[in-house]
């Protein structure tokens, strides 16, 4: 019985999760920094 499809899908899912774990915090940080800059431009305090 050949399990190559299962193995490739498992590695693909693992790679996708690792990529998400890398990208998600960076996107959240970018949103937070953008919100802080916008607040500063409007005259608010950071």
PDB file of N, CA and C in Angstrom:
ATOM      1  N   UNK A   1       0.842  -1.185   0.000  1.00  0.00           N
ATOM      2  CA  UNK A   1       0.000   0.000   0.000  1.00  0.00           C
ATOM      3  C   UNK A   1       0.887   1.248   0.000  1.00  0.00           C
ATOM      4  N   UNK A   2       0.564   2.167  -0.857  1.00  0.00           N
ATOM      5  CA  UNK A   2       1.383   3.357  -1.016  1.00  0.00           C
ATOM      6  C   UNK A   2       0.767   4.522  -0.236  1.00  0.00           C
ATOM      7  N   UNK A   3       1.561   5.127   0.620  1.00  0.00           N
ATOM      8  CA  UNK A   3       1.079   6.215   1.465  1.00  0.00           C
ATOM      9  C   UNK A   3       1.706   7.556   1.099  1.00  0.00           C
ATOM     10  N   UNK A   4       2.249   7.671  -0.105  1.00  0.00           N
ATOM     11  CA  UNK A   4       2.938   8.907  -0.464  1.00  0.00           C
ATOM     12  C   UNK A   4       2.012  10.116  -0.458  1.00  0.00           C
ATOM     13  N   UNK A   5       0.774   9.923  -0.897  1.00  0.00           N
ATOM     14  CA  UNK A   5      -0.157  11.057  -0.905  1.00  0.00           C
ATOM     15  C   UNK A   5      -0.402  11.551   0.513  1.00  0.00           C
ATOM     16  N   UNK A   6      -0.604  10.628   1.437  1.00  0.00           N
ATOM     17  CA  UNK A   6      -0.827  11.005   2.834  1.00  0.00           C
ATOM     18  C   UNK A   6       0.402  11.728   3.393  1.00  0.00           C
ATOM     19  N   UNK A   7       1.578  11.202   3.108  1.00  0.00           N
ATOM     20  CA  UNK A   7       2.816  11.801   3.619  1.00  0.00           C
ATOM     21  C   UNK A   7       3.001  13.208   3.050  1.00  0.00           C
ATOM     22  N   UNK A   8       2.775  13.381   1.764  1.00  0.00           N
ATOM     23  CA  UNK A   8       2.919  14.701   1.148  1.00  0.00           C
ATOM     24  C   UNK A   8       1.900  15.687   1.709  1.00  0.00           C
ATOM     25  N   UNK A   9       0.673  15.249   1.916  1.00  0.00           N
ATOM     26  CA  UNK A   9      -0.348  16.133   2.485  1.00  0.00           C
ATOM     27  C   UNK A   9      -0.006  16.503   3.924  1.00  0.00           C
ATOM     28  N   UNK A  10       0.517  15.560   4.694  1.00  0.00           N
ATOM     29  CA  UNK A  10       0.884  15.843   6.081  1.00  0.00           C
ATOM     30  C   UNK A  10       2.024  16.864   6.135  1.00  0.00           C
ATOM     31  N   UNK A  11       3.034  16.691   5.298  1.00  0.00           N
ATOM     32  CA  UNK A  11       4.125  17.662   5.265  1.00  0.00           C
ATOM     33  C   UNK A  11       3.639  19.018   4.754  1.00  0.00           C
ATOM     34  N   UNK A  12       2.731  19.011   3.809  1.00  0.00           N
ATOM     35  CA  UNK A  12       2.174  20.264   3.310  1.00  0.00           C
ATOM     36  C   UNK A  12       1.397  21.001   4.387  1.00  0.00           C
ATOM     37  N   UNK A  13       0.596  20.262   5.162  1.00  0.00           N
ATOM     38  CA  UNK A  13      -0.157  20.882   6.255  1.00  0.00           C
ATOM     39  C   UNK A  13       0.795  21.426   7.312  1.00  0.00           C
ATOM     40  N   UNK A  14       1.839  20.678   7.620  1.00  0.00           N
ATOM     41  CA  UNK A  14       2.831  21.124   8.597  1.00  0.00           C
ATOM     42  C   UNK A  14       3.505  22.411   8.119  1.00  0.00           C
ATOM     43  N   UNK A  15       3.881  22.456   6.851  1.00  0.00           N
ATOM     44  CA  UNK A  15       4.531  23.649   6.304  1.00  0.00           C
ATOM     45  C   UNK A  15       3.577  24.844   6.332  1.00  0.00           C
ATOM     46  N   UNK A  16       2.301  24.618   6.018  1.00  0.00           N
ATOM     47  CA  UNK A  16       1.327  25.710   6.041  1.00  0.00           C
ATOM     48  C   UNK A  16       1.163  26.251   7.457  1.00  0.00           C
ATOM     49  N   UNK A  17       1.109  25.375   8.445  1.00  0.00           N
ATOM     50  CA  UNK A  17       0.977  25.823   9.830  1.00  0.00           C
ATOM     51  C   UNK A  17       2.217  26.576  10.298  1.00  0.00           C
ATOM     52  N   UNK A  18       3.386  26.104   9.910  1.00  0.00           N
ATOM     53  CA  UNK A  18       4.616  26.802  10.285  1.00  0.00           C
ATOM     54  C   UNK A  18       4.658  28.191   9.647  1.00  0.00           C
ATOM     55  N   UNK A  19       4.234  28.295   8.399  1.00  0.00           N
ATOM     56  CA  UNK A  19       4.189  29.589   7.721  1.00  0.00           C
ATOM     57  C   UNK A  19       3.199  30.520   8.416  1.00  0.00           C
ATOM     58  N   UNK A  20       2.036  29.996   8.812  1.00  0.00           N
ATOM     59  CA  UNK A  20       1.047  30.810   9.513  1.00  0.00           C
ATOM     60  C   UNK A  20       1.586  31.273  10.865  1.00  0.00           C
ATOM     61  N   UNK A  21       2.275  30.385  11.598  1.00  0.00           N
ATOM     62  CA  UNK A  21       2.849  30.764  12.889  1.00  0.00           C
ATOM     63  C   UNK A  21       3.904  31.855  12.736  1.00  0.00           C
ATOM     64  N   UNK A  22       4.549  31.906  11.593  1.00  0.00           N
ATOM     65  CA  UNK A  22       5.540  32.949  11.330  1.00  0.00           C
ATOM     66  C   UNK A  22       4.854  34.254  10.919  1.00  0.00           C
ATOM     67  N   UNK A  23       3.827  34.158  10.078  1.00  0.00           N
ATOM     68  CA  UNK A  23       3.232  35.350   9.479  1.00  0.00           C
ATOM     69  C   UNK A  23       2.202  36.033  10.370  1.00  0.00           C
ATOM     70  N   UNK A  24       1.419  35.291  11.118  1.00  0.00           N
ATOM     71  CA  UNK A  24       0.309  35.874  11.879  1.00  0.00           C
ATOM     72  C   UNK A  24       0.766  36.932  12.889  1.00  0.00           C
ATOM     73  N   UNK A  25       1.796  36.677  13.703  1.00  0.00           N
ATOM     74  CA  UNK A  25       2.222  37.724  14.638  1.00  0.00           C
ATOM     75  C   UNK A  25       2.756  38.970  13.935  1.00  0.00           C
ATOM     76  N   UNK A  26       3.413  38.780  12.804  1.00  0.00           N
ATOM     77  CA  UNK A  26       3.935  39.930  12.066  1.00  0.00           C
ATOM     78  C   UNK A  26       2.795  40.781  11.513  1.00  0.00           C
ATOM     79  N   UNK A  27       1.738  40.129  11.056  1.00  0.00           N
ATOM     80  CA  UNK A  27       0.587  40.891  10.561  1.00  0.00           C
ATOM     81  C   UNK A  27      -0.094  41.633  11.702  1.00  0.00           C
ATOM     82  N   UNK A  28      -0.213  40.992  12.854  1.00  0.00           N
ATOM     83  CA  UNK A  28      -0.838  41.642  14.009  1.00  0.00           C
ATOM     84  C   UNK A  28      -0.003  42.836  14.465  1.00  0.00           C
ATOM     85  N   UNK A  29       1.310  42.682  14.471  1.00  0.00           N
ATOM     86  CA  UNK A  29       2.187  43.785  14.852  1.00  0.00           C
ATOM     87  C   UNK A  29       2.049  44.940  13.863  1.00  0.00           C
ATOM     88  N   UNK A  30       1.970  44.621  12.592  1.00  0.00           N
ATOM     89  CA  UNK A  30       1.785  45.662  11.580  1.00  0.00           C
ATOM     90  C   UNK A  30       0.483  46.423  11.777  1.00  0.00           C
ATOM     91  N   UNK A  31      -0.599  45.711  12.086  1.00  0.00           N
ATOM     92  CA  UNK A  31      -1.881  46.380  12.344  1.00  0.00           C
ATOM     93  C   UNK A  31      -1.791  47.266  13.574  1.00  0.00           C
ATOM     94  N   UNK A  32      -1.139  46.785  14.630  1.00  0.00           N
ATOM     95  CA  UNK A  32      -1.012  47.575  15.857  1.00  0.00           C
ATOM     96  C   UNK A  32      -0.177  48.827  15.611  1.00  0.00           C
ATOM     97  N   UNK A  33       0.926  48.693  14.890  1.00  0.00           N
ATOM     98  CA  UNK A  33       1.774  49.846  14.598  1.00  0.00           C
ATOM     99  C   UNK A  33       1.013  50.865  13.743  1.00  0.00           C
ATOM    100  N   UNK A  34       0.250  50.383  12.774  1.00  0.00           N
ATOM    101  CA  UNK A  34      -0.537  51.274  11.927  1.00  0.00           C
ATOM    102  C   UNK A  34      -1.573  52.027  12.755  1.00  0.00           C
ATOM    103  N   UNK A  35      -2.217  51.343  13.691  1.00  0.00           N
ATOM    104  CA  UNK A  35      -3.217  51.994  14.546  1.00  0.00           C
ATOM    105  C   UNK A  35      -2.570  53.053  15.431  1.00  0.00           C
ATOM    106  N   UNK A  36      -1.375  52.766  15.945  1.00  0.00           N
ATOM    107  CA  UNK A  36      -0.670  53.740  16.786  1.00  0.00           C
ATOM    108  C   UNK A  36      -0.303  54.973  15.973  1.00  0.00           C
ATOM    109  N   UNK A  37       0.222  54.763  14.761  1.00  0.00           N
ATOM    110  CA  UNK A  37       0.584  55.900  13.908  1.00  0.00           C
ATOM    111  C   UNK A  37      -0.633  56.743  13.550  1.00  0.00           C
ATOM    112  N   UNK A  38      -1.742  56.075  13.250  1.00  0.00           N
ATOM    113  CA  UNK A  38      -2.967  56.803  12.917  1.00  0.00           C
ATOM    114  C   UNK A  38      -3.448  57.616  14.115  1.00  0.00           C
ATOM    115  N   UNK A  39      -3.372  57.038  15.291  1.00  0.00           N
ATOM    116  CA  UNK A  39      -3.790  57.743  16.503  1.00  0.00           C
ATOM    117  C   UNK A  39      -2.893  58.953  16.754  1.00  0.00           C
ATOM    118  N   UNK A  40      -1.593  58.806  16.521  1.00  0.00           N
ATOM    119  CA  UNK A  40      -0.666  59.923  16.712  1.00  0.00           C
ATOM    120  C   UNK A  40      -0.941  61.034  15.704  1.00  0.00           C
ATOM    121  N   UNK A  41      -1.271  60.678  14.473  1.00  0.00           N
ATOM    122  CA  UNK A  41      -1.559  61.687  13.450  1.00  0.00           C
ATOM    123  C   UNK A  41      -2.813  62.476  13.781  1.00  0.00           C
ATOM    124  N   UNK A  42      -3.774  61.816  14.412  1.00  0.00           N
ATOM    125  CA  UNK A  42      -5.023  62.494  14.765  1.00  0.00           C
ATOM    126  C   UNK A  42      -4.886  63.325  16.030  1.00  0.00           C
ATOM    127  N   UNK A  43      -3.707  63.326  16.635  1.00  0.00           N
ATOM    128  CA  UNK A  43      -3.473  64.148  17.814  1.00  0.00           C
ATOM    129  C   UNK A  43      -3.689  63.412  19.117  1.00  0.00           C
ATOM    130  N   UNK A  44      -3.906  62.119  19.051  1.00  0.00           N
ATOM    131  CA  UNK A  44      -4.053  61.341  20.272  1.00  0.00           C
ATOM    132  C   UNK A  44      -2.709  61.064  20.896  1.00  0.00           C
ATOM    133  N   UNK A  45      -2.717  60.488  22.043  1.00  0.00           N
ATOM    134  CA  UNK A  45      -1.468  60.139  22.716  1.00  0.00           C
ATOM    135  C   UNK A  45      -1.267  58.641  22.629  1.00  0.00           C
ATOM    136  N   UNK A  46      -0.036  58.213  22.419  1.00  0.00           N
ATOM    137  CA  UNK A  46       0.273  56.800  22.276  1.00  0.00           C
ATOM    138  C   UNK A  46       0.535  56.184  23.601  1.00  0.00           C
TER     139      UNK A  46
END
